[in-house]
Amino acid sequence: MTNAFAAKRHEILAELNGFRVEIDAARERADIILDRPPLNIIEIPQRDQLRLVFEELDKDDRVRVIVLRAEGKHFSSGGNIAGFLAAPPELVSRLADNIAAPARCHKPVIAANRGYTFGVGFELSLACDFRIASQTTQYALPEQRIGQIPGSGGSIRLLHMIGMQRTKDMTFRSRRVSAAEAKEWGFILECVPDDELEAATDKLVDELRSFSPLAQRTIKGVLNAAQNTTVEAGIEIEGNAYGRLRSSEDFAEGVAAFHEKRKADFKGR
């Protein structure tokens, strides 16, 4: 990284726009918290900052798991329409780049959703590895209501998760889907009572921390790379990654712990 680029990156992150970051090193956890209640509208500059924060946390050795959550009773009602209207066409045609940051991040990323999870807020959640939703959550891609379509990867991610018919149902009709229906359709992991959202998120964080960081990074990369390939190509990607892990310290520790009937102490190497 050049000094000029590093300085620019520092300048962009100097004052976070509409969110904050909390790191709990003891629990190897970082929280990215949308903090513009009541609706946590996501501004254009905020998107680039979110991307950079994910990239910085990806390099932070204190952090094993990242949680994306929000202040208040709504995760996010979406983006600022006025900001999109003012943005140049070349910028809006690349909107999916920054929202894909959770998917590119090598570490597990959990989205904790409640209330409105619309538009880019929904798309950002879809880029995470896991979504846990409060029963109050409503998901929607409402862009049809203003004569537009999703532009940050939401419709395509949904297509891969829930198939053509259900994706058309949500996008053609700007239909709101409840957390219970989302669980039935399979694009969230859990639907829990509103007052249990934080506890369910904590539980998943702690469970993920108990596994090998190296193996988790590897399987995330394998699945991301294989989802758009044939079965045969995906199996090839998986096999190559499996072979590389055979020589890792974490694999040796895992095998030793299994035979010695103890908890493994993984180092991510």
C-alpha atoms as a PDB file:
ATOM      1  CA  MET A   1       0.000   0.000   0.000  1.00  0.00           C
ATOM      2  CA  THR A   2       1.477   3.369  -0.987  1.00  0.00           C
ATOM      3  CA  ASN A   3       1.781   6.113   1.612  1.00  0.00           C
ATOM      4  CA  ALA A   4      -0.616   8.281  -0.395  1.00  0.00           C
ATOM      5  CA  PHE A   5      -3.247   5.546  -0.493  1.00  0.00           C
ATOM      6  CA  ALA A   6      -2.807   4.768   3.209  1.00  0.00           C
ATOM      7  CA  ALA A   7      -3.284   8.450   4.044  1.00  0.00           C
ATOM      8  CA  LYS A   8      -6.443   8.613   1.925  1.00  0.00           C
ATOM      9  CA  ARG A   9      -7.792   5.501   3.623  1.00  0.00           C
ATOM     10  CA  HIS A  10      -7.107   7.033   7.038  1.00  0.00           C
ATOM     11  CA  GLU A  11      -8.832  10.257   5.963  1.00  0.00           C
ATOM     12  CA  ILE A  12     -11.966   8.403   4.838  1.00  0.00           C
ATOM     13  CA  LEU A  13     -12.151   6.513   8.144  1.00  0.00           C
ATOM     14  CA  ALA A  14     -11.351   9.508  10.364  1.00  0.00           C
ATOM     15  CA  GLU A  15     -15.018  10.231  11.074  1.00  0.00           C
ATOM     16  CA  LEU A  16     -17.463   7.388  10.536  1.00  0.00           C
ATOM     17  CA  ASN A  17     -20.713   8.326   8.808  1.00  0.00           C
ATOM     18  CA  GLY A  18     -23.804   6.843  10.412  1.00  0.00           C
ATOM     19  CA  PHE A  19     -22.186   3.885  12.153  1.00  0.00           C
ATOM     20  CA  ARG A  20     -19.628   2.979  14.788  1.00  0.00           C
ATOM     21  CA  VAL A  21     -17.286   0.086  15.490  1.00  0.00           C
ATOM     22  CA  GLU A  22     -16.776  -1.696  18.803  1.00  0.00           C
ATOM     23  CA  ILE A  23     -14.073  -4.312  19.362  1.00  0.00           C
ATOM     24  CA  ASP A  24     -14.179  -6.785  22.240  1.00  0.00           C
ATOM     25  CA  ALA A  25     -10.711  -8.339  22.101  1.00  0.00           C
ATOM     26  CA  ALA A  26     -11.470 -10.709  24.975  1.00  0.00           C
ATOM     27  CA  ARG A  27     -14.272 -12.256  22.919  1.00  0.00           C
ATOM     28  CA  GLU A  28     -12.413 -11.869  19.607  1.00  0.00           C
ATOM     29  CA  ARG A  29     -15.393  -9.981  18.258  1.00  0.00           C
ATOM     30  CA  ALA A  30     -16.008  -6.751  16.362  1.00  0.00           C
ATOM     31  CA  ASP A  31     -19.415  -5.096  16.049  1.00  0.00           C
ATOM     32  CA  ILE A  32     -20.253  -2.736  13.201  1.00  0.00           C
ATOM     33  CA  ILE A  33     -23.296  -0.854  14.448  1.00  0.00           C
ATOM     34  CA  LEU A  34     -25.545   1.212  12.182  1.00  0.00           C
ATOM     35  CA  ASP A  35     -26.193   4.284  14.303  1.00  0.00           C
ATOM     36  CA  ARG A  36     -28.537   6.705  12.576  1.00  0.00           C
ATOM     37  CA  PRO A  37     -31.846   5.833  14.287  1.00  0.00           C
ATOM     38  CA  PRO A  38     -34.737   5.548  13.981  1.00  0.00           C
ATOM     39  CA  LEU A  39     -34.403   4.187  10.422  1.00  0.00           C
ATOM     40  CA  ASN A  40     -30.612   3.904  10.047  1.00  0.00           C
ATOM     41  CA  ILE A  41     -30.657   5.239   6.498  1.00  0.00           C
ATOM     42  CA  ILE A  42     -27.417   4.412   4.676  1.00  0.00           C
ATOM     43  CA  GLU A  43     -25.751   7.344   2.909  1.00  0.00           C
ATOM     44  CA  ILE A  44     -23.528   7.070  -0.180  1.00  0.00           C
ATOM     45  CA  PRO A  45     -20.253   7.985   1.658  1.00  0.00           C
ATOM     46  CA  GLN A  46     -21.136   5.507   4.409  1.00  0.00           C
ATOM     47  CA  ARG A  47     -21.002   2.644   1.936  1.00  0.00           C
ATOM     48  CA  ASP A  48     -17.326   3.196   1.137  1.00  0.00           C
ATOM     49  CA  GLN A  49     -16.534   3.565   4.817  1.00  0.00           C
ATOM     50  CA  LEU A  50     -18.273   0.276   5.581  1.00  0.00           C
ATOM     51  CA  ARG A  51     -16.168  -1.425   2.908  1.00  0.00           C
ATOM     52  CA  LEU A  52     -12.942  -0.040   4.343  1.00  0.00           C
ATOM     53  CA  VAL A  53     -13.921  -0.990   7.895  1.00  0.00           C
ATOM     54  CA  PHE A  54     -14.575  -4.587   6.840  1.00  0.00           C
ATOM     55  CA  GLU A  55     -11.175  -4.635   5.147  1.00  0.00           C
ATOM     56  CA  GLU A  56      -9.451  -3.265   8.246  1.00  0.00           C
ATOM     57  CA  LEU A  57     -11.200  -5.742  10.558  1.00  0.00           C
ATOM     58  CA  ASP A  58     -10.250  -8.558   8.200  1.00  0.00           C
ATOM     59  CA  LYS A  59      -6.597  -7.747   8.967  1.00  0.00           C
ATOM     60  CA  ASP A  60      -7.096  -7.250  12.725  1.00  0.00           C
ATOM     61  CA  ASP A  61      -5.658 -10.213  14.643  1.00  0.00           C
ATOM     62  CA  ARG A  62      -7.837  -9.408  17.654  1.00  0.00           C
ATOM     63  CA  VAL A  63     -11.012 -10.208  15.706  1.00  0.00           C
ATOM     64  CA  ARG A  64     -12.322 -13.668  14.849  1.00  0.00           C
ATOM     65  CA  VAL A  65     -15.990 -12.868  14.127  1.00  0.00           C
ATOM     66  CA  ILE A  66     -17.715  -9.704  12.894  1.00  0.00           C
ATOM     67  CA  VAL A  67     -21.309  -8.784  13.787  1.00  0.00           C
ATOM     68  CA  LEU A  68     -23.304  -6.262  11.772  1.00  0.00           C
ATOM     69  CA  ARG A  69     -26.185  -4.824  13.790  1.00  0.00           C
ATOM     70  CA  ALA A  70     -28.070  -1.587  14.367  1.00  0.00           C
ATOM     71  CA  GLU A  71     -29.287   0.779  17.054  1.00  0.00           C
ATOM     72  CA  GLY A  72     -33.023   0.990  17.658  1.00  0.00           C
ATOM     73  CA  LYS A  73     -35.961  -1.052  16.487  1.00  0.00           C
ATOM     74  CA  HIS A  74     -35.063  -1.037  12.772  1.00  0.00           C
ATOM     75  CA  PHE A  75     -31.948  -2.412  11.088  1.00  0.00           C
ATOM     76  CA  SER A  76     -32.201  -0.062   8.101  1.00  0.00           C
ATOM     77  CA  SER A  77     -34.973   1.283   5.895  1.00  0.00           C
ATOM     78  CA  GLY A  78     -32.500   1.501   3.007  1.00  0.00           C
ATOM     79  CA  GLY A  79     -30.526   4.204   1.249  1.00  0.00           C
ATOM     80  CA  ASN A  80     -30.909   7.936   0.884  1.00  0.00           C
ATOM     81  CA  ILE A  81     -32.713   8.441  -2.433  1.00  0.00           C
ATOM     82  CA  ALA A  82     -31.525  12.049  -2.766  1.00  0.00           C
ATOM     83  CA  GLY A  83     -27.921  10.874  -2.494  1.00  0.00           C
ATOM     84  CA  PHE A  84     -28.376   8.335  -5.258  1.00  0.00           C
ATOM     85  CA  LEU A  85     -29.972  10.934  -7.548  1.00  0.00           C
ATOM     86  CA  ALA A  86     -26.955  13.208  -7.055  1.00  0.00           C
ATOM     87  CA  ALA A  87     -24.381  10.451  -7.663  1.00  0.00           C
ATOM     88  CA  PRO A  88     -22.789  10.123 -11.138  1.00  0.00           C
ATOM     89  CA  PRO A  89     -23.813   7.128 -13.311  1.00  0.00           C
ATOM     90  CA  GLU A  90     -20.365   5.515 -13.131  1.00  0.00           C
ATOM     91  CA  LEU A  91     -20.654   5.437  -9.334  1.00  0.00           C
ATOM     92  CA  VAL A  92     -24.149   3.976  -9.135  1.00  0.00           C
ATOM     93  CA  SER A  93     -23.273   1.260 -11.664  1.00  0.00           C
ATOM     94  CA  ARG A  94     -20.669  -0.042  -9.166  1.00  0.00           C
ATOM     95  CA  LEU A  95     -22.789   0.102  -6.025  1.00  0.00           C
ATOM     96  CA  ALA A  96     -22.473  -3.629  -5.402  1.00  0.00           C
ATOM     97  CA  ASP A  97     -18.690  -3.368  -4.905  1.00  0.00           C
ATOM     98  CA  ASN A  98     -18.796  -1.835  -1.441  1.00  0.00           C
ATOM     99  CA  ILE A  99     -21.856  -3.741  -0.257  1.00  0.00           C
ATOM    100  CA  ALA A 100     -20.080  -7.008  -1.118  1.00  0.00           C
ATOM    101  CA  ALA A 101     -17.436  -6.290   1.542  1.00  0.00           C
ATOM    102  CA  PRO A 102     -18.866  -8.790   4.090  1.00  0.00           C
ATOM    103  CA  ALA A 103     -18.746 -11.536   1.458  1.00  0.00           C
ATOM    104  CA  ARG A 104     -15.139 -10.713   0.542  1.00  0.00           C
ATOM    105  CA  CYS A 105     -14.104 -10.612   4.203  1.00  0.00           C
ATOM    106  CA  HIS A 106     -12.300 -13.839   5.113  1.00  0.00           C
ATOM    107  CA  LYS A 107     -13.796 -13.948   8.614  1.00  0.00           C
ATOM    108  CA  PRO A 108     -17.335 -15.054   9.538  1.00  0.00           C
ATOM    109  CA  VAL A 109     -19.821 -12.169   9.393  1.00  0.00           C
ATOM    110  CA  ILE A 110     -23.205 -12.274  11.137  1.00  0.00           C
ATOM    111  CA  ALA A 111     -26.051  -9.838  10.444  1.00  0.00           C
ATOM    112  CA  ALA A 112     -28.453  -9.348  13.363  1.00  0.00           C
ATOM    113  CA  ASN A 113     -31.703  -7.958  11.915  1.00  0.00           C
ATOM    114  CA  ARG A 114     -34.813  -6.497  13.489  1.00  0.00           C
ATOM    115  CA  GLY A 115     -37.581  -4.290  12.186  1.00  0.00           C
ATOM    116  CA  TYR A 116     -37.260  -2.767   8.725  1.00  0.00           C
ATOM    117  CA  THR A 117     -34.474  -4.399   6.737  1.00  0.00           C
ATOM    118  CA  PHE A 118     -35.072  -2.833   3.354  1.00  0.00           C
ATOM    119  CA  GLY A 119     -33.166  -1.898   0.222  1.00  0.00           C
ATOM    120  CA  VAL A 120     -29.438  -1.562   0.703  1.00  0.00           C
ATOM    121  CA  GLY A 121     -29.813  -2.573   4.360  1.00  0.00           C
ATOM    122  CA  PHE A 122     -31.206  -5.890   3.167  1.00  0.00           C
ATOM    123  CA  GLU A 123     -28.542  -6.185   0.473  1.00  0.00           C
ATOM    124  CA  LEU A 124     -25.795  -5.588   3.032  1.00  0.00           C
ATOM    125  CA  SER A 125     -27.297  -8.305   5.243  1.00  0.00           C
ATOM    126  CA  LEU A 126     -27.472 -10.704   2.294  1.00  0.00           C
ATOM    127  CA  ALA A 127     -23.724 -10.262   1.757  1.00  0.00           C
ATOM    128  CA  CYS A 128     -23.071 -11.580   5.276  1.00  0.00           C
ATOM    129  CA  ASP A 129     -22.499 -15.261   6.007  1.00  0.00           C
ATOM    130  CA  PHE A 130     -25.363 -15.617   8.484  1.00  0.00           C
ATOM    131  CA  ARG A 131     -28.548 -13.691   9.178  1.00  0.00           C
ATOM    132  CA  ILE A 132     -30.314 -13.968  12.529  1.00  0.00           C
ATOM    133  CA  ALA A 133     -33.639 -12.139  12.647  1.00  0.00           C
ATOM    134  CA  SER A 134     -35.957 -10.933  15.347  1.00  0.00           C
ATOM    135  CA  GLN A 135     -39.616 -11.800  14.813  1.00  0.00           C
ATOM    136  CA  THR A 136     -40.199  -8.094  14.150  1.00  0.00           C
ATOM    137  CA  THR A 137     -38.012  -8.164  11.040  1.00  0.00           C
ATOM    138  CA  GLN A 138     -39.459  -7.363   7.637  1.00  0.00           C
ATOM    139  CA  TYR A 139     -37.320  -7.828   4.525  1.00  0.00           C
ATOM    140  CA  ALA A 140     -37.960  -6.000   1.264  1.00  0.00           C
ATOM    141  CA  LEU A 141     -36.381  -4.761  -1.944  1.00  0.00           C
ATOM    142  CA  PRO A 142     -38.805  -1.873  -2.606  1.00  0.00           C
ATOM    143  CA  GLU A 143     -37.069  -0.289  -5.614  1.00  0.00           C
ATOM    144  CA  GLN A 144     -39.962  -1.043  -8.001  1.00  0.00           C
ATOM    145  CA  ARG A 145     -41.992   1.560  -6.139  1.00  0.00           C
ATOM    146  CA  ILE A 146     -39.740   4.290  -7.576  1.00  0.00           C
ATOM    147  CA  GLY A 147     -39.303   2.681 -10.995  1.00  0.00           C
ATOM    148  CA  GLN A 148     -35.922   1.164 -10.231  1.00  0.00           C
ATOM    149  CA  ILE A 149     -34.387  -2.227  -9.464  1.00  0.00           C
ATOM    150  CA  PRO A 150     -31.963  -3.335  -6.711  1.00  0.00           C
ATOM    151  CA  GLY A 151     -28.461  -2.152  -7.581  1.00  0.00           C
ATOM    152  CA  SER A 152     -26.221  -3.525  -4.847  1.00  0.00           C
ATOM    153  CA  GLY A 153     -26.423  -7.254  -5.505  1.00  0.00           C
ATOM    154  CA  GLY A 154     -29.604  -8.021  -3.579  1.00  0.00           C
ATOM    155  CA  SER A 155     -31.686  -9.550  -6.355  1.00  0.00           C
ATOM    156  CA  ILE A 156     -28.819 -11.758  -7.573  1.00  0.00           C
ATOM    157  CA  ARG A 157     -27.872 -12.968  -4.090  1.00  0.00           C
ATOM    158  CA  LEU A 158     -31.529 -13.790  -3.443  1.00  0.00           C
ATOM    159  CA  LEU A 159     -31.768 -15.615  -6.762  1.00  0.00           C
ATOM    160  CA  HIS A 160     -28.987 -17.950  -5.652  1.00  0.00           C
ATOM    161  CA  MET A 161     -30.514 -18.402  -2.194  1.00  0.00           C
ATOM    162  CA  ILE A 162     -34.230 -18.816  -2.852  1.00  0.00           C
ATOM    163  CA  GLY A 163     -34.662 -19.382  -6.578  1.00  0.00           C
ATOM    164  CA  MET A 164     -36.302 -17.542  -9.448  1.00  0.00           C
ATOM    165  CA  GLN A 165     -39.975 -17.590  -8.448  1.00  0.00           C
ATOM    166  CA  ARG A 166     -39.542 -16.258  -4.921  1.00  0.00           C
ATOM    167  CA  THR A 167     -36.996 -13.657  -6.043  1.00  0.00           C
ATOM    168  CA  LYS A 168     -39.438 -12.409  -8.678  1.00  0.00           C
ATOM    169  CA  ASP A 169     -42.166 -12.356  -6.032  1.00  0.00           C
ATOM    170  CA  MET A 170     -40.061 -10.043  -3.853  1.00  0.00           C
ATOM    171  CA  THR A 171     -38.600  -7.826  -6.579  1.00  0.00           C
ATOM    172  CA  PHE A 172     -41.484  -7.466  -9.056  1.00  0.00           C
ATOM    173  CA  ARG A 173     -43.948  -6.666  -6.287  1.00  0.00           C
ATOM    174  CA  SER A 174     -41.679  -4.937  -3.746  1.00  0.00           C
ATOM    175  CA  ARG A 175     -43.204  -7.413  -1.326  1.00  0.00           C
ATOM    176  CA  ARG A 176     -42.305  -7.426   2.343  1.00  0.00           C
ATOM    177  CA  VAL A 177     -41.334 -10.813   3.755  1.00  0.00           C
ATOM    178  CA  SER A 178     -41.563 -11.531   7.472  1.00  0.00           C
ATOM    179  CA  ALA A 179     -38.773 -13.147   9.454  1.00  0.00           C
ATOM    180  CA  ALA A 180     -40.860 -16.294   9.815  1.00  0.00           C
ATOM    181  CA  GLU A 181     -41.338 -16.517   6.043  1.00  0.00           C
ATOM    182  CA  ALA A 182     -37.651 -15.751   5.467  1.00  0.00           C
ATOM    183  CA  LYS A 183     -36.757 -18.677   7.724  1.00  0.00           C
ATOM    184  CA  GLU A 184     -39.122 -20.919   5.758  1.00  0.00           C
ATOM    185  CA  TRP A 185     -37.567 -19.763   2.490  1.00  0.00           C
ATOM    186  CA  GLY A 186     -34.078 -20.355   3.822  1.00  0.00           C
ATOM    187  CA  PHE A 187     -32.361 -16.986   3.542  1.00  0.00           C
ATOM    188  CA  ILE A 188     -32.006 -16.502   7.289  1.00  0.00           C
ATOM    189  CA  LEU A 189     -30.507 -18.902   9.792  1.00  0.00           C
ATOM    190  CA  GLU A 190     -32.750 -18.205  12.788  1.00  0.00           C
ATOM    191  CA  CYS A 191     -35.953 -16.339  13.658  1.00  0.00           C
ATOM    192  CA  VAL A 192     -36.071 -15.525  17.361  1.00  0.00           C
ATOM    193  CA  PRO A 193     -38.234 -13.442  19.730  1.00  0.00           C
ATOM    194  CA  ASP A 194     -37.207  -9.791  19.695  1.00  0.00           C
ATOM    195  CA  ASP A 195     -35.712  -9.867  23.177  1.00  0.00           C
ATOM    196  CA  GLU A 196     -33.570 -12.894  22.295  1.00  0.00           C
ATOM    197  CA  LEU A 197     -31.813 -11.462  19.238  1.00  0.00           C
ATOM    198  CA  GLU A 198     -28.666 -10.396  21.069  1.00  0.00           C
ATOM    199  CA  ALA A 199     -28.393 -13.673  22.985  1.00  0.00           C
ATOM    200  CA  ALA A 200     -28.808 -15.728  19.807  1.00  0.00           C
ATOM    201  CA  THR A 201     -26.139 -13.638  18.102  1.00  0.00           C
ATOM    202  CA  ASP A 202     -23.770 -14.014  21.068  1.00  0.00           C
ATOM    203  CA  LYS A 203     -24.262 -17.773  21.024  1.00  0.00           C
ATOM    204  CA  LEU A 204     -23.391 -18.060  17.343  1.00  0.00           C
ATOM    205  CA  VAL A 205     -20.331 -15.821  17.773  1.00  0.00           C
ATOM    206  CA  ASP A 206     -18.991 -18.006  20.575  1.00  0.00           C
ATOM    207  CA  GLU A 207     -19.669 -21.191  18.637  1.00  0.00           C
ATOM    208  CA  LEU A 208     -17.836 -19.903  15.555  1.00  0.00           C
ATOM    209  CA  ARG A 209     -14.870 -18.869  17.713  1.00  0.00           C
ATOM    210  CA  SER A 210     -14.404 -22.475  18.844  1.00  0.00           C
ATOM    211  CA  PHE A 211     -13.362 -23.656  15.381  1.00  0.00           C
ATOM    212  CA  SER A 212     -10.161 -23.213  13.383  1.00  0.00           C
ATOM    213  CA  PRO A 213      -9.890 -19.700  11.917  1.00  0.00           C
ATOM    214  CA  LEU A 214      -7.879 -21.118   9.030  1.00  0.00           C
ATOM    215  CA  ALA A 215     -10.479 -23.770   8.222  1.00  0.00           C
ATOM    216  CA  GLN A 216     -13.257 -21.161   8.383  1.00  0.00           C
ATOM    217  CA  ARG A 217     -11.409 -18.798   6.059  1.00  0.00           C
ATOM    218  CA  THR A 218     -10.805 -21.694   3.710  1.00  0.00           C
ATOM    219  CA  ILE A 219     -14.382 -22.991   3.534  1.00  0.00           C
ATOM    220  CA  LYS A 220     -15.724 -19.458   3.055  1.00  0.00           C
ATOM    221  CA  GLY A 221     -13.385 -19.010   0.110  1.00  0.00           C
ATOM    222  CA  VAL A 222     -14.300 -22.402  -1.316  1.00  0.00           C
ATOM    223  CA  LEU A 223     -18.045 -21.777  -1.134  1.00  0.00           C
ATOM    224  CA  ASN A 224     -17.775 -18.258  -2.534  1.00  0.00           C
ATOM    225  CA  ALA A 225     -15.674 -19.485  -5.441  1.00  0.00           C
ATOM    226  CA  ALA A 226     -17.763 -22.575  -6.143  1.00  0.00           C
ATOM    227  CA  GLN A 227     -21.285 -21.114  -6.044  1.00  0.00           C
ATOM    228  CA  ASN A 228     -21.108 -19.931  -9.667  1.00  0.00           C
ATOM    229  CA  THR A 229     -19.375 -22.989 -11.094  1.00  0.00           C
ATOM    230  CA  THR A 230     -20.399 -26.482 -12.133  1.00  0.00           C
ATOM    231  CA  VAL A 231     -20.514 -29.226  -9.527  1.00  0.00           C
ATOM    232  CA  GLU A 232     -17.363 -30.744 -11.015  1.00  0.00           C
ATOM    233  CA  ALA A 233     -15.441 -27.448 -10.859  1.00  0.00           C
ATOM    234  CA  GLY A 234     -16.635 -26.855  -7.308  1.00  0.00           C
ATOM    235  CA  ILE A 235     -15.439 -30.280  -6.217  1.00  0.00           C
ATOM    236  CA  GLU A 236     -12.036 -29.485  -7.742  1.00  0.00           C
ATOM    237  CA  ILE A 237     -11.850 -26.222  -5.760  1.00  0.00           C
ATOM    238  CA  GLU A 238     -12.855 -28.037  -2.576  1.00  0.00           C
ATOM    239  CA  GLY A 239     -10.327 -30.820  -3.103  1.00  0.00           C
ATOM    240  CA  ASN A 240      -7.432 -28.437  -3.665  1.00  0.00           C
ATOM    241  CA  ALA A 241      -8.283 -26.503  -0.505  1.00  0.00           C
ATOM    242  CA  TYR A 242      -8.652 -29.737   1.467  1.00  0.00           C
ATOM    243  CA  GLY A 243      -5.200 -30.828   0.359  1.00  0.00           C
ATOM    244  CA  ARG A 244      -3.620 -27.550   1.439  1.00  0.00           C
ATOM    245  CA  LEU A 245      -5.160 -27.756   4.913  1.00  0.00           C
ATOM    246  CA  ARG A 246      -3.669 -31.214   5.484  1.00  0.00           C
ATOM    247  CA  SER A 247      -0.308 -29.559   6.226  1.00  0.00           C
ATOM    248  CA  SER A 248      -1.659 -26.840   8.535  1.00  0.00           C
ATOM    249  CA  GLU A 249      -0.889 -26.516  12.248  1.00  0.00           C
ATOM    250  CA  ASP A 250      -4.621 -26.239  12.988  1.00  0.00           C
ATOM    251  CA  PHE A 251      -5.296 -29.594  11.325  1.00  0.00           C
ATOM    252  CA  ALA A 252      -2.512 -31.244  13.319  1.00  0.00           C
ATOM    253  CA  GLU A 253      -3.884 -29.698  16.518  1.00  0.00           C
ATOM    254  CA  GLY A 254      -7.433 -30.767  15.675  1.00  0.00           C
ATOM    255  CA  VAL A 255      -6.398 -34.383  15.091  1.00  0.00           C
ATOM    256  CA  ALA A 256      -4.324 -34.430  18.279  1.00  0.00           C
ATOM    257  CA  ALA A 257      -7.178 -32.953  20.317  1.00  0.00           C
ATOM    258  CA  PHE A 258      -9.588 -35.522  18.881  1.00  0.00           C
ATOM    259  CA  HIS A 259      -7.374 -38.440  19.882  1.00  0.00           C
ATOM    260  CA  GLU A 260      -6.606 -36.950  23.297  1.00  0.00           C
ATOM    261  CA  LYS A 261     -10.281 -36.181  23.920  1.00  0.00           C
ATOM    262  CA  ARG A 262      -9.687 -32.502  24.713  1.00  0.00           C
ATOM    263  CA  LYS A 263     -10.740 -29.170  23.285  1.00  0.00           C
ATOM    264  CA  ALA A 264      -8.550 -28.043  20.404  1.00  0.00           C
ATOM    265  CA  ASP A 265      -6.510 -24.855  20.728  1.00  0.00           C
ATOM    266  CA  PHE A 266      -6.551 -23.454  17.199  1.00  0.00           C
ATOM    267  CA  LYS A 267      -4.167 -20.674  16.181  1.00  0.00           C
ATOM    268  CA  GLY A 268      -5.273 -20.020  12.625  1.00  0.00           C
ATOM    269  CA  ARG A 269      -2.086 -21.382  11.059  1.00  0.00           C
END
